[in-house]
PDB file of N, CA and C in Angstrom:
ATOM      1  N   MET A   1       8.928  -3.784 -29.844  1.00  0.00           N
ATOM      2  CA  MET A   1       9.104  -3.110 -28.451  1.00  0.00           C
ATOM      3  C   MET A   1       8.246  -3.745 -27.480  1.00  0.00           C
ATOM      4  N   GLY A   2       7.318  -4.588 -27.787  1.00  0.00           N
ATOM      5  CA  GLY A   2       6.342  -5.170 -27.008  1.00  0.00           C
ATOM      6  C   GLY A   2       7.117  -6.034 -25.898  1.00  0.00           C
ATOM      7  N   PHE A   3       7.924  -6.918 -26.401  1.00  0.00           N
ATOM      8  CA  PHE A   3       8.507  -7.726 -25.442  1.00  0.00           C
ATOM      9  C   PHE A   3       9.184  -6.823 -24.159  1.00  0.00           C
ATOM     10  N   TYR A   4       9.935  -5.807 -24.679  1.00  0.00           N
ATOM     11  CA  TYR A   4      10.570  -4.937 -23.913  1.00  0.00           C
ATOM     12  C   TYR A   4       9.737  -4.280 -22.863  1.00  0.00           C
ATOM     13  N   TYR A   5       8.441  -3.898 -23.194  1.00  0.00           N
ATOM     14  CA  TYR A   5       7.710  -3.301 -22.289  1.00  0.00           C
ATOM     15  C   TYR A   5       7.150  -4.264 -21.213  1.00  0.00           C
ATOM     16  N   ALA A   6       6.795  -5.491 -22.001  1.00  0.00           N
ATOM     17  CA  ALA A   6       6.235  -6.477 -20.896  1.00  0.00           C
ATOM     18  C   ALA A   6       7.449  -7.012 -20.057  1.00  0.00           C
ATOM     19  N   ALA A   7       8.740  -6.968 -20.190  1.00  0.00           N
ATOM     20  CA  ALA A   7       9.765  -7.499 -19.445  1.00  0.00           C
ATOM     21  C   ALA A   7       9.978  -6.120 -18.461  1.00  0.00           C
ATOM     22  N   MET A   8       9.987  -5.002 -18.863  1.00  0.00           N
ATOM     23  CA  MET A   8       9.985  -4.030 -17.809  1.00  0.00           C
ATOM     24  C   MET A   8       8.759  -3.833 -16.727  1.00  0.00           C
ATOM     25  N   ALA A   9       7.389  -4.224 -17.284  1.00  0.00           N
ATOM     26  CA  ALA A   9       6.465  -4.444 -16.507  1.00  0.00           C
ATOM     27  C   ALA A   9       6.624  -5.514 -15.428  1.00  0.00           C
ATOM     28  N   LEU A  10       7.245  -6.551 -15.839  1.00  0.00           N
ATOM     29  CA  LEU A  10       7.693  -7.605 -14.820  1.00  0.00           C
ATOM     30  C   LEU A  10       8.392  -7.258 -13.821  1.00  0.00           C
ATOM     31  N   ASN A  11       9.135  -6.366 -14.221  1.00  0.00           N
ATOM     32  CA  ASN A  11      10.429  -5.858 -13.185  1.00  0.00           C
ATOM     33  C   ASN A  11       9.701  -5.372 -12.033  1.00  0.00           C
ATOM     34  N   PHE A  12       8.669  -4.233 -12.358  1.00  0.00           N
ATOM     35  CA  PHE A  12       7.933  -3.794 -11.302  1.00  0.00           C
ATOM     36  C   PHE A  12       6.707  -4.521 -10.477  1.00  0.00           C
ATOM     37  N   GLU A  13       6.480  -5.539 -11.468  1.00  0.00           N
ATOM     38  CA  GLU A  13       5.287  -6.604 -10.746  1.00  0.00           C
ATOM     39  C   GLU A  13       5.989  -7.611  -9.682  1.00  0.00           C
ATOM     40  N   ARG A  14       7.071  -7.736 -10.026  1.00  0.00           N
ATOM     41  CA  ARG A  14       8.017  -8.631  -8.870  1.00  0.00           C
ATOM     42  C   ARG A  14       8.236  -7.837  -7.546  1.00  0.00           C
ATOM     43  N   LEU A  15       8.184  -6.627  -7.640  1.00  0.00           N
ATOM     44  CA  LEU A  15       8.154  -5.749  -6.159  1.00  0.00           C
ATOM     45  C   LEU A  15       7.143  -6.239  -5.293  1.00  0.00           C
ATOM     46  N   SER A  16       6.087  -6.254  -5.833  1.00  0.00           N
ATOM     47  CA  SER A  16       4.869  -6.733  -4.796  1.00  0.00           C
ATOM     48  C   SER A  16       4.753  -8.278  -4.617  1.00  0.00           C
ATOM     49  N   ILE A  17       5.553  -8.969  -5.361  1.00  0.00           N
ATOM     50  CA  ILE A  17       5.610 -10.374  -4.957  1.00  0.00           C
ATOM     51  C   ILE A  17       6.604 -10.659  -4.122  1.00  0.00           C
ATOM     52  N   GLY A  18       7.693  -9.757  -4.033  1.00  0.00           N
ATOM     53  CA  GLY A  18       8.860  -9.951  -3.123  1.00  0.00           C
ATOM     54  C   GLY A  18       8.417  -9.408  -1.564  1.00  0.00           C
ATOM     55  N   SER A  19       7.484  -9.146  -1.407  1.00  0.00           N
ATOM     56  CA  SER A  19       7.078  -8.363  -0.014  1.00  0.00           C
ATOM     57  C   SER A  19       7.287  -9.531   0.880  1.00  0.00           C
ATOM     58  N   VAL A  20       7.835  -9.116   2.161  1.00  0.00           N
ATOM     59  CA  VAL A  20       8.258  -9.749   3.174  1.00  0.00           C
ATOM     60  C   VAL A  20       7.167  -9.910   4.374  1.00  0.00           C
ATOM     61  N   ALA A  21       6.059  -8.709   4.105  1.00  0.00           N
ATOM     62  CA  ALA A  21       5.555  -8.423   5.320  1.00  0.00           C
ATOM     63  C   ALA A  21       4.682  -9.680   5.781  1.00  0.00           C
ATOM     64  N   MET A  22       3.901 -10.258   4.730  1.00  0.00           N
ATOM     65  CA  MET A  22       3.206 -11.470   5.030  1.00  0.00           C
ATOM     66  C   MET A  22       4.017 -12.771   5.943  1.00  0.00           C
ATOM     67  N   THR A  23       5.037 -12.931   5.281  1.00  0.00           N
ATOM     68  CA  THR A  23       5.884 -13.790   5.723  1.00  0.00           C
ATOM     69  C   THR A  23       6.237 -13.490   7.078  1.00  0.00           C
ATOM     70  N   ARG A  24       6.738 -12.286   7.512  1.00  0.00           N
ATOM     71  CA  ARG A  24       6.993 -11.654   8.922  1.00  0.00           C
ATOM     72  C   ARG A  24       5.722 -11.973   9.857  1.00  0.00           C
ATOM     73  N   ARG A  25       4.634 -11.512   9.392  1.00  0.00           N
ATOM     74  CA  ARG A  25       3.763 -12.014  10.174  1.00  0.00           C
ATOM     75  C   ARG A  25       3.341 -13.194  10.494  1.00  0.00           C
ATOM     76  N   TYR A  26       3.501 -14.200   9.597  1.00  0.00           N
ATOM     77  CA  TYR A  26       3.414 -15.842   9.882  1.00  0.00           C
ATOM     78  C   TYR A  26       4.280 -16.130  10.882  1.00  0.00           C
ATOM     79  N   PHE A  27       5.587 -15.734  10.768  1.00  0.00           N
ATOM     80  CA  PHE A  27       6.798 -15.783  11.547  1.00  0.00           C
ATOM     81  C   PHE A  27       6.412 -15.345  13.086  1.00  0.00           C
ATOM     82  N   ARG A  28       5.920 -14.280  13.330  1.00  0.00           N
ATOM     83  CA  ARG A  28       5.392 -13.821  14.475  1.00  0.00           C
ATOM     84  C   ARG A  28       4.290 -14.508  15.057  1.00  0.00           C
ATOM     85  N   GLU A  29       3.582 -14.821  14.397  1.00  0.00           N
ATOM     86  CA  GLU A  29       2.419 -15.894  14.943  1.00  0.00           C
ATOM     87  C   GLU A  29       3.006 -17.167  15.376  1.00  0.00           C
ATOM     88  N   LEU A  30       3.878 -17.609  14.730  1.00  0.00           N
ATOM     89  CA  LEU A  30       4.729 -18.897  15.083  1.00  0.00           C
ATOM     90  C   LEU A  30       5.463 -18.665  16.167  1.00  0.00           C
ATOM     91  N   VAL A  31       5.975 -17.714  16.321  1.00  0.00           N
ATOM     92  CA  VAL A  31       6.886 -17.517  17.474  1.00  0.00           C
ATOM     93  C   VAL A  31       5.999 -17.138  18.865  1.00  0.00           C
ATOM     94  N   ALA A  32       4.743 -16.468  18.774  1.00  0.00           N
ATOM     95  CA  ALA A  32       3.949 -16.175  19.932  1.00  0.00           C
ATOM     96  C   ALA A  32       3.264 -17.592  20.180  1.00  0.00           C
ATOM     97  N   PHE A  33       2.957 -18.712  19.124  1.00  0.00           N
ATOM     98  CA  PHE A  33       2.731 -19.933  19.679  1.00  0.00           C
ATOM     99  C   PHE A  33       3.556 -20.863  20.492  1.00  0.00           C
ATOM    100  N   VAL A  34       5.042 -20.361  20.086  1.00  0.00           N
ATOM    101  CA  VAL A  34       5.951 -21.186  20.863  1.00  0.00           C
ATOM    102  C   VAL A  34       6.154 -20.661  22.081  1.00  0.00           C
ATOM    103  N   ARG A  35       6.004 -19.445  22.409  1.00  0.00           N
ATOM    104  CA  ARG A  35       6.261 -18.777  23.658  1.00  0.00           C
ATOM    105  C   ARG A  35       5.169 -19.385  24.927  1.00  0.00           C
ATOM    106  N   THR A  36       4.094 -20.006  24.263  1.00  0.00           N
ATOM    107  CA  THR A  36       2.857 -20.387  25.193  1.00  0.00           C
ATOM    108  C   THR A  36       2.805 -21.966  25.366  1.00  0.00           C
ATOM    109  N   ALA A  37       3.016 -22.662  24.213  1.00  0.00           N
ATOM    110  CA  ALA A  37       2.882 -24.072  24.256  1.00  0.00           C
ATOM    111  C   ALA A  37       3.867 -24.872  24.616  1.00  0.00           C
ATOM    112  N   THR A  38       3.696 -26.131  24.925  1.00  0.00           N
ATOM    113  CA  THR A  38       4.299 -27.108  25.690  1.00  0.00           C
ATOM    114  C   THR A  38       4.225 -28.312  24.631  1.00  0.00           C
ATOM    115  N   ALA A  39       5.487 -29.193  24.877  1.00  0.00           N
ATOM    116  CA  ALA A  39       5.341 -30.307  24.180  1.00  0.00           C
ATOM    117  C   ALA A  39       6.382 -31.406  25.026  1.00  0.00           C
ATOM    118  N   ASP A  40       5.757 -32.412  25.482  1.00  0.00           N
ATOM    119  CA  ASP A  40       6.386 -33.409  26.209  1.00  0.00           C
ATOM    120  C   ASP A  40       6.634 -33.163  27.658  1.00  0.00           C
ATOM    121  N   GLY A  41       5.750 -32.057  28.138  1.00  0.00           N
ATOM    122  CA  GLY A  41       5.677 -31.724  29.475  1.00  0.00           C
ATOM    123  C   GLY A  41       6.640 -30.547  29.759  1.00  0.00           C
ATOM    124  N   ALA A  42       7.326 -30.008  28.746  1.00  0.00           N
ATOM    125  CA  ALA A  42       8.170 -28.994  28.801  1.00  0.00           C
ATOM    126  C   ALA A  42       7.966 -27.775  27.806  1.00  0.00           C
ATOM    127  N   PRO A  43       8.068 -26.769  28.100  1.00  0.00           N
ATOM    128  CA  PRO A  43       7.665 -25.456  27.205  1.00  0.00           C
ATOM    129  C   PRO A  43       8.619 -25.606  25.965  1.00  0.00           C
ATOM    130  N   LEU A  44       7.870 -25.424  24.670  1.00  0.00           N
ATOM    131  CA  LEU A  44       8.265 -25.664  23.331  1.00  0.00           C
ATOM    132  C   LEU A  44       9.336 -24.627  23.306  1.00  0.00           C
ATOM    133  N   ARG A  45       9.211 -23.678  23.922  1.00  0.00           N
ATOM    134  CA  ARG A  45      10.622 -22.529  23.542  1.00  0.00           C
ATOM    135  C   ARG A  45      11.706 -23.196  24.241  1.00  0.00           C
ATOM    136  N   ALA A  46      11.958 -24.123  25.176  1.00  0.00           N
ATOM    137  CA  ALA A  46      13.028 -24.721  25.922  1.00  0.00           C
ATOM    138  C   ALA A  46      13.649 -25.469  25.038  1.00  0.00           C
ATOM    139  N   HIS A  47      13.037 -25.906  23.844  1.00  0.00           N
ATOM    140  CA  HIS A  47      13.779 -27.075  23.068  1.00  0.00           C
ATOM    141  C   HIS A  47      14.646 -26.421  21.961  1.00  0.00           C
ATOM    142  N   PRO A  48      16.281 -26.635  22.070  1.00  0.00           N
ATOM    143  CA  PRO A  48      17.012 -26.078  21.159  1.00  0.00           C
ATOM    144  C   PRO A  48      16.799 -26.198  19.791  1.00  0.00           C
ATOM    145  N   TRP A  49      16.310 -27.228  19.486  1.00  0.00           N
ATOM    146  CA  TRP A  49      15.990 -27.196  17.823  1.00  0.00           C
ATOM    147  C   TRP A  49      15.067 -26.224  17.551  1.00  0.00           C
ATOM    148  N   VAL A  50      13.945 -26.115  18.522  1.00  0.00           N
ATOM    149  CA  VAL A  50      12.969 -25.167  18.198  1.00  0.00           C
ATOM    150  C   VAL A  50      13.600 -23.430  18.212  1.00  0.00           C
ATOM    151  N   ARG A  51      14.338 -23.339  19.125  1.00  0.00           N
ATOM    152  CA  ARG A  51      14.997 -21.892  19.077  1.00  0.00           C
ATOM    153  C   ARG A  51      15.745 -21.942  17.935  1.00  0.00           C
ATOM    154  N   GLU A  52      16.969 -22.732  17.614  1.00  0.00           N
ATOM    155  CA  GLU A  52      17.540 -22.803  16.313  1.00  0.00           C
ATOM    156  C   GLU A  52      16.857 -22.433  15.066  1.00  0.00           C
ATOM    157  N   ARG A  53      15.771 -23.142  14.848  1.00  0.00           N
ATOM    158  CA  ARG A  53      15.091 -22.970  13.452  1.00  0.00           C
ATOM    159  C   ARG A  53      14.283 -21.708  13.461  1.00  0.00           C
ATOM    160  N   LEU A  54      13.706 -20.958  14.657  1.00  0.00           N
ATOM    161  CA  LEU A  54      13.111 -19.619  14.807  1.00  0.00           C
ATOM    162  C   LEU A  54      14.344 -18.725  14.535  1.00  0.00           C
ATOM    163  N   ALA A  55      15.761 -18.887  15.153  1.00  0.00           N
ATOM    164  CA  ALA A  55      16.508 -18.011  14.784  1.00  0.00           C
ATOM    165  C   ALA A  55      17.047 -17.848  13.311  1.00  0.00           C
ATOM    166  N   ARG A  56      17.019 -19.028  12.656  1.00  0.00           N
ATOM    167  CA  ARG A  56      17.557 -18.885  11.209  1.00  0.00           C
ATOM    168  C   ARG A  56      16.574 -18.281  10.437  1.00  0.00           C
ATOM    169  N   LEU A  57      15.285 -18.483  10.688  1.00  0.00           N
ATOM    170  CA  LEU A  57      14.075 -17.849  10.070  1.00  0.00           C
ATOM    171  C   LEU A  57      14.108 -16.313  10.357  1.00  0.00           C
ATOM    172  N   ALA A  58      14.600 -15.722  11.544  1.00  0.00           N
ATOM    173  CA  ALA A  58      14.686 -14.550  11.794  1.00  0.00           C
ATOM    174  C   ALA A  58      15.688 -13.726  11.143  1.00  0.00           C
ATOM    175  N   VAL A  59      16.652 -14.543  10.842  1.00  0.00           N
ATOM    176  CA  VAL A  59      17.975 -13.925  10.119  1.00  0.00           C
ATOM    177  C   VAL A  59      17.516 -13.806   8.597  1.00  0.00           C
ATOM    178  N   ASP A  60      17.129 -14.952   8.173  1.00  0.00           N
ATOM    179  CA  ASP A  60      16.421 -15.029   6.756  1.00  0.00           C
ATOM    180  C   ASP A  60      15.368 -13.811   6.336  1.00  0.00           C
ATOM    181  N   ILE A  61      14.431 -13.493   7.552  1.00  0.00           N
ATOM    182  CA  ILE A  61      13.550 -12.469   7.367  1.00  0.00           C
ATOM    183  C   ILE A  61      14.170 -11.032   7.320  1.00  0.00           C
ATOM    184  N   GLU A  62      15.132 -10.877   7.916  1.00  0.00           N
ATOM    185  CA  GLU A  62      15.953  -9.597   8.025  1.00  0.00           C
ATOM    186  C   GLU A  62      16.614  -9.317   6.565  1.00  0.00           C
ATOM    187  N   ALA A  63      17.232 -10.565   6.212  1.00  0.00           N
ATOM    188  CA  ALA A  63      17.883 -10.522   4.895  1.00  0.00           C
ATOM    189  C   ALA A  63      16.682 -10.271   3.780  1.00  0.00           C
ATOM    190  N   ALA A  64      15.558 -10.708   3.990  1.00  0.00           N
ATOM    191  CA  ALA A  64      14.649 -10.497   2.968  1.00  0.00           C
ATOM    192  C   ALA A  64      14.154  -9.046   2.880  1.00  0.00           C
ATOM    193  N   ARG A  65      14.228  -8.366   4.336  1.00  0.00           N
ATOM    194  CA  ARG A  65      13.715  -6.929   4.499  1.00  0.00           C
ATOM    195  C   ARG A  65      14.990  -6.149   3.800  1.00  0.00           C
ATOM    196  N   MET A  66      16.368  -6.293   3.842  1.00  0.00           N
ATOM    197  CA  MET A  66      17.133  -5.638   3.286  1.00  0.00           C
ATOM    198  C   MET A  66      17.286  -5.714   1.679  1.00  0.00           C
ATOM    199  N   LEU A  67      16.747  -6.905   1.241  1.00  0.00           N
ATOM    200  CA  LEU A  67      16.408  -6.794  -0.023  1.00  0.00           C
ATOM    201  C   LEU A  67      15.523  -6.109  -0.675  1.00  0.00           C
ATOM    202  N   GLY A  68      14.545  -5.821   0.126  1.00  0.00           N
ATOM    203  CA  GLY A  68      13.412  -4.810  -0.147  1.00  0.00           C
ATOM    204  C   GLY A  68      13.746  -3.583  -0.167  1.00  0.00           C
ATOM    205  N   LEU A  69      14.724  -3.153   0.793  1.00  0.00           N
ATOM    206  CA  LEU A  69      15.010  -1.572   0.927  1.00  0.00           C
ATOM    207  C   LEU A  69      16.169  -1.462  -0.208  1.00  0.00           C
ATOM    208  N   GLU A  70      16.999  -2.608  -0.806  1.00  0.00           N
ATOM    209  CA  GLU A  70      17.824  -2.269  -1.675  1.00  0.00           C
ATOM    210  C   GLU A  70      16.918  -2.089  -2.884  1.00  0.00           C
ATOM    211  N   THR A  71      15.953  -2.787  -3.296  1.00  0.00           N
ATOM    212  CA  THR A  71      15.080  -2.625  -4.251  1.00  0.00           C
ATOM    213  C   THR A  71      14.331  -1.056  -4.269  1.00  0.00           C
ATOM    214  N   ALA A  72      13.982  -0.837  -3.170  1.00  0.00           N
ATOM    215  CA  ALA A  72      13.312   0.718  -2.969  1.00  0.00           C
ATOM    216  C   ALA A  72      14.554   1.645  -3.053  1.00  0.00           C
ATOM    217  N   TRP A  73      15.673   1.446  -2.773  1.00  0.00           N
ATOM    218  CA  TRP A  73      16.719   2.330  -3.056  1.00  0.00           C
ATOM    219  C   TRP A  73      17.159   2.568  -4.409  1.00  0.00           C
ATOM    220  N   ALA A  74      16.977   1.108  -5.186  1.00  0.00           N
ATOM    221  CA  ALA A  74      17.187   1.235  -6.578  1.00  0.00           C
ATOM    222  C   ALA A  74      16.036   2.239  -7.454  1.00  0.00           C
ATOM    223  N   LEU A  75      14.790   2.035  -6.859  1.00  0.00           N
ATOM    224  CA  LEU A  75      13.879   2.791  -7.571  1.00  0.00           C
ATOM    225  C   LEU A  75      13.909   4.333  -7.317  1.00  0.00           C
ATOM    226  N   ASP A  76      14.462   4.492  -5.975  1.00  0.00           N
ATOM    227  CA  ASP A  76      14.495   5.832  -5.648  1.00  0.00           C
ATOM    228  C   ASP A  76      15.604   6.660  -6.472  1.00  0.00           C
ATOM    229  N   GLN A  77      16.718   5.831  -6.861  1.00  0.00           N
ATOM    230  CA  GLN A  77      17.697   6.290  -7.770  1.00  0.00           C
ATOM    231  C   GLN A  77      17.245   6.536  -9.256  1.00  0.00           C
ATOM    232  N   GLY A  78      16.133   6.169  -9.522  1.00  0.00           N
ATOM    233  CA  GLY A  78      15.544   6.283 -10.798  1.00  0.00           C
ATOM    234  C   GLY A  78      15.840   5.008 -11.746  1.00  0.00           C
ATOM    235  N   ARG A  79      16.400   3.997 -11.103  1.00  0.00           N
ATOM    236  CA  ARG A  79      16.714   2.906 -11.983  1.00  0.00           C
ATOM    237  C   ARG A  79      15.533   1.657 -12.041  1.00  0.00           C
ATOM    238  N   VAL A  80      15.653   1.024 -13.058  1.00  0.00           N
ATOM    239  CA  VAL A  80      14.794  -0.013 -13.017  1.00  0.00           C
ATOM    240  C   VAL A  80      15.328  -1.294 -12.180  1.00  0.00           C
ATOM    241  N   PRO A  81      14.643  -1.684 -11.230  1.00  0.00           N
ATOM    242  CA  PRO A  81      15.178  -2.710 -10.324  1.00  0.00           C
ATOM    243  C   PRO A  81      15.451  -4.097 -10.832  1.00  0.00           C
ATOM    244  N   ALA A  82      15.728  -4.587 -11.867  1.00  0.00           N
ATOM    245  CA  ALA A  82      15.473  -5.560 -12.500  1.00  0.00           C
ATOM    246  C   ALA A  82      16.299  -6.939 -11.670  1.00  0.00           C
ATOM    247  N   ALA A  83      17.419  -6.644 -11.414  1.00  0.00           N
ATOM    248  CA  ALA A  83      18.045  -7.759 -10.603  1.00  0.00           C
ATOM    249  C   ALA A  83      17.725  -7.855  -9.296  1.00  0.00           C
ATOM    250  N   GLU A  84      17.384  -6.656  -8.650  1.00  0.00           N
ATOM    251  CA  GLU A  84      17.135  -6.579  -7.112  1.00  0.00           C
ATOM    252  C   GLU A  84      15.779  -7.120  -7.025  1.00  0.00           C
ATOM    253  N   SER A  85      14.814  -7.013  -7.817  1.00  0.00           N
ATOM    254  CA  SER A  85      13.417  -7.413  -7.567  1.00  0.00           C
ATOM    255  C   SER A  85      13.339  -8.820  -7.981  1.00  0.00           C
ATOM    256  N   SER A  86      14.076  -9.559  -9.017  1.00  0.00           N
ATOM    257  CA  SER A  86      14.323 -10.747  -8.942  1.00  0.00           C
ATOM    258  C   SER A  86      14.858 -11.386  -7.967  1.00  0.00           C
ATOM    259  N   MET A  87      15.871 -10.957  -7.306  1.00  0.00           N
ATOM    260  CA  MET A  87      16.493 -11.774  -6.052  1.00  0.00           C
ATOM    261  C   MET A  87      15.200 -11.601  -5.009  1.00  0.00           C
ATOM    262  N   ALA A  88      14.657 -10.497  -4.503  1.00  0.00           N
ATOM    263  CA  ALA A  88      13.797 -10.518  -3.683  1.00  0.00           C
ATOM    264  C   ALA A  88      12.667 -11.345  -3.910  1.00  0.00           C
ATOM    265  N   LYS A  89      12.238 -11.491  -5.162  1.00  0.00           N
ATOM    266  CA  LYS A  89      11.123 -12.260  -5.304  1.00  0.00           C
ATOM    267  C   LYS A  89      11.359 -13.865  -5.244  1.00  0.00           C
ATOM    268  N   VAL A  90      12.539 -14.290  -5.621  1.00  0.00           N
ATOM    269  CA  VAL A  90      12.842 -15.739  -5.406  1.00  0.00           C
ATOM    270  C   VAL A  90      13.159 -15.951  -3.779  1.00  0.00           C
ATOM    271  N   PHE A  91      13.888 -14.925  -3.440  1.00  0.00           N
ATOM    272  CA  PHE A  91      14.396 -15.408  -1.898  1.00  0.00           C
ATOM    273  C   PHE A  91      12.977 -15.082  -1.098  1.00  0.00           C
ATOM    274  N   VAL A  92      12.121 -14.300  -0.980  1.00  0.00           N
ATOM    275  CA  VAL A  92      10.832 -14.126  -0.113  1.00  0.00           C
ATOM    276  C   VAL A  92      10.023 -15.438  -0.543  1.00  0.00           C
ATOM    277  N   SER A  93       9.817 -15.924  -1.875  1.00  0.00           N
ATOM    278  CA  SER A  93       9.105 -17.044  -2.162  1.00  0.00           C
ATOM    279  C   SER A  93       9.560 -18.149  -1.473  1.00  0.00           C
ATOM    280  N   GLU A  94      10.872 -18.774  -1.549  1.00  0.00           N
ATOM    281  CA  GLU A  94      11.483 -19.532  -0.803  1.00  0.00           C
ATOM    282  C   GLU A  94      11.472 -19.504   0.572  1.00  0.00           C
ATOM    283  N   LEU A  95      11.511 -18.250   1.244  1.00  0.00           N
ATOM    284  CA  LEU A  95      11.528 -18.177   2.584  1.00  0.00           C
ATOM    285  C   LEU A  95       9.898 -18.456   3.055  1.00  0.00           C
ATOM    286  N   ALA A  96       9.101 -17.966   2.562  1.00  0.00           N
ATOM    287  CA  ALA A  96       7.735 -18.258   2.857  1.00  0.00           C
ATOM    288  C   ALA A  96       7.836 -19.814   3.051  1.00  0.00           C
ATOM    289  N   GLN A  97       7.999 -20.366   1.718  1.00  0.00           N
ATOM    290  CA  GLN A  97       7.933 -21.852   2.091  1.00  0.00           C
ATOM    291  C   GLN A  97       8.903 -22.452   3.156  1.00  0.00           C
ATOM    292  N   ARG A  98       9.980 -21.881   3.723  1.00  0.00           N
ATOM    293  CA  ARG A  98      10.548 -22.519   4.762  1.00  0.00           C
ATOM    294  C   ARG A  98       9.713 -21.944   6.012  1.00  0.00           C
ATOM    295  N   VAL A  99       9.281 -20.905   5.979  1.00  0.00           N
ATOM    296  CA  VAL A  99       8.524 -20.637   7.169  1.00  0.00           C
ATOM    297  C   VAL A  99       7.287 -21.571   7.512  1.00  0.00           C
ATOM    298  N   ALA A 100       6.569 -22.042   6.540  1.00  0.00           N
ATOM    299  CA  ALA A 100       5.698 -22.761   6.662  1.00  0.00           C
ATOM    300  C   ALA A 100       6.154 -24.245   6.878  1.00  0.00           C
ATOM    301  N   ASP A 101       7.324 -24.700   6.463  1.00  0.00           N
ATOM    302  CA  ASP A 101       7.845 -26.028   6.595  1.00  0.00           C
ATOM    303  C   ASP A 101       8.436 -26.157   8.183  1.00  0.00           C
ATOM    304  N   VAL A 102       8.907 -25.074   8.634  1.00  0.00           N
ATOM    305  CA  VAL A 102       9.325 -24.788  10.097  1.00  0.00           C
ATOM    306  C   VAL A 102       8.162 -24.782  11.105  1.00  0.00           C
ATOM    307  N   GLY A 103       7.037 -24.061  10.616  1.00  0.00           N
ATOM    308  CA  GLY A 103       5.780 -23.988  11.393  1.00  0.00           C
ATOM    309  C   GLY A 103       5.059 -25.541  11.238  1.00  0.00           C
ATOM    310  N   ALA A 104       5.153 -26.066  10.380  1.00  0.00           N
ATOM    311  CA  ALA A 104       4.475 -27.794  10.350  1.00  0.00           C
ATOM    312  C   ALA A 104       5.494 -28.663  11.161  1.00  0.00           C
ATOM    313  N   GLU A 105       6.796 -28.479  11.176  1.00  0.00           N
ATOM    314  CA  GLU A 105       7.644 -29.144  11.995  1.00  0.00           C
ATOM    315  C   GLU A 105       7.456 -28.990  13.367  1.00  0.00           C
ATOM    316  N   ILE A 106       7.313 -27.703  13.856  1.00  0.00           N
ATOM    317  CA  ILE A 106       7.292 -27.152  15.329  1.00  0.00           C
ATOM    318  C   ILE A 106       5.760 -27.614  15.622  1.00  0.00           C
ATOM    319  N   LEU A 107       4.887 -27.591  14.788  1.00  0.00           N
ATOM    320  CA  LEU A 107       3.553 -27.731  15.381  1.00  0.00           C
ATOM    321  C   LEU A 107       3.048 -29.358  15.471  1.00  0.00           C
ATOM    322  N   GLY A 108       3.751 -29.871  14.602  1.00  0.00           N
ATOM    323  CA  GLY A 108       3.367 -31.318  14.266  1.00  0.00           C
ATOM    324  C   GLY A 108       2.303 -31.372  13.603  1.00  0.00           C
ATOM    325  N   MET A 109       1.421 -32.504  14.084  1.00  0.00           N
ATOM    326  CA  MET A 109       0.002 -32.766  13.617  1.00  0.00           C
ATOM    327  C   MET A 109      -1.028 -31.519  13.752  1.00  0.00           C
ATOM    328  N   ALA A 110      -0.615 -30.900  14.474  1.00  0.00           N
ATOM    329  CA  ALA A 110      -1.344 -29.738  14.712  1.00  0.00           C
ATOM    330  C   ALA A 110      -1.269 -28.557  13.974  1.00  0.00           C
ATOM    331  N   GLY A 111      -0.034 -28.560  13.215  1.00  0.00           N
ATOM    332  CA  GLY A 111       0.084 -27.894  12.016  1.00  0.00           C
ATOM    333  C   GLY A 111      -0.890 -27.834  10.786  1.00  0.00           C
ATOM    334  N   GLN A 112      -1.443 -29.189  10.947  1.00  0.00           N
ATOM    335  CA  GLN A 112      -2.466 -29.411   9.709  1.00  0.00           C
ATOM    336  C   GLN A 112      -3.978 -28.973  10.007  1.00  0.00           C
ATOM    337  N   LEU A 113      -4.019 -28.260  11.186  1.00  0.00           N
ATOM    338  CA  LEU A 113      -5.471 -27.878  11.617  1.00  0.00           C
ATOM    339  C   LEU A 113      -5.537 -26.394  11.172  1.00  0.00           C
ATOM    340  N   HIS A 114      -6.715 -26.109  10.910  1.00  0.00           N
ATOM    341  CA  HIS A 114      -7.355 -24.652  10.560  1.00  0.00           C
ATOM    342  C   HIS A 114      -7.563 -24.029  11.931  1.00  0.00           C
ATOM    343  N   PRO A 115      -7.169 -22.983  12.134  1.00  0.00           N
ATOM    344  CA  PRO A 115      -7.555 -22.116  13.381  1.00  0.00           C
ATOM    345  C   PRO A 115      -9.095 -21.623  13.354  1.00  0.00           C
ATOM    346  N   ARG A 116      -9.689 -21.406  14.266  1.00  0.00           N
ATOM    347  CA  ARG A 116     -11.337 -21.037  14.126  1.00  0.00           C
ATOM    348  C   ARG A 116     -11.194 -19.451  14.274  1.00  0.00           C
TER     349      ARG A 116
END
């Protein structure tokens, strides 16, 4: 029964890994930067490709939040959220990478600098 208990524990561990809060915070920081920054003499927020990428991330972040709520609902129903927590973990992990990629794309070379 050891493997069964270990697998059950992993189902609950994935709940904390699949948290969207940090990803949402990074996204909000990126949006705040875009609101004030300029590129090529124009506000960065005026570039359609920037708005498109931020809109896609906003939709994905909302989808990740819904996955988290579905997982919480499964817990509330007394079920072990095996499928839900696995979906949330994979989706949010990949979403965090997309937020970083879009941030680096928007910030360009400045995206490699560490803020003071």
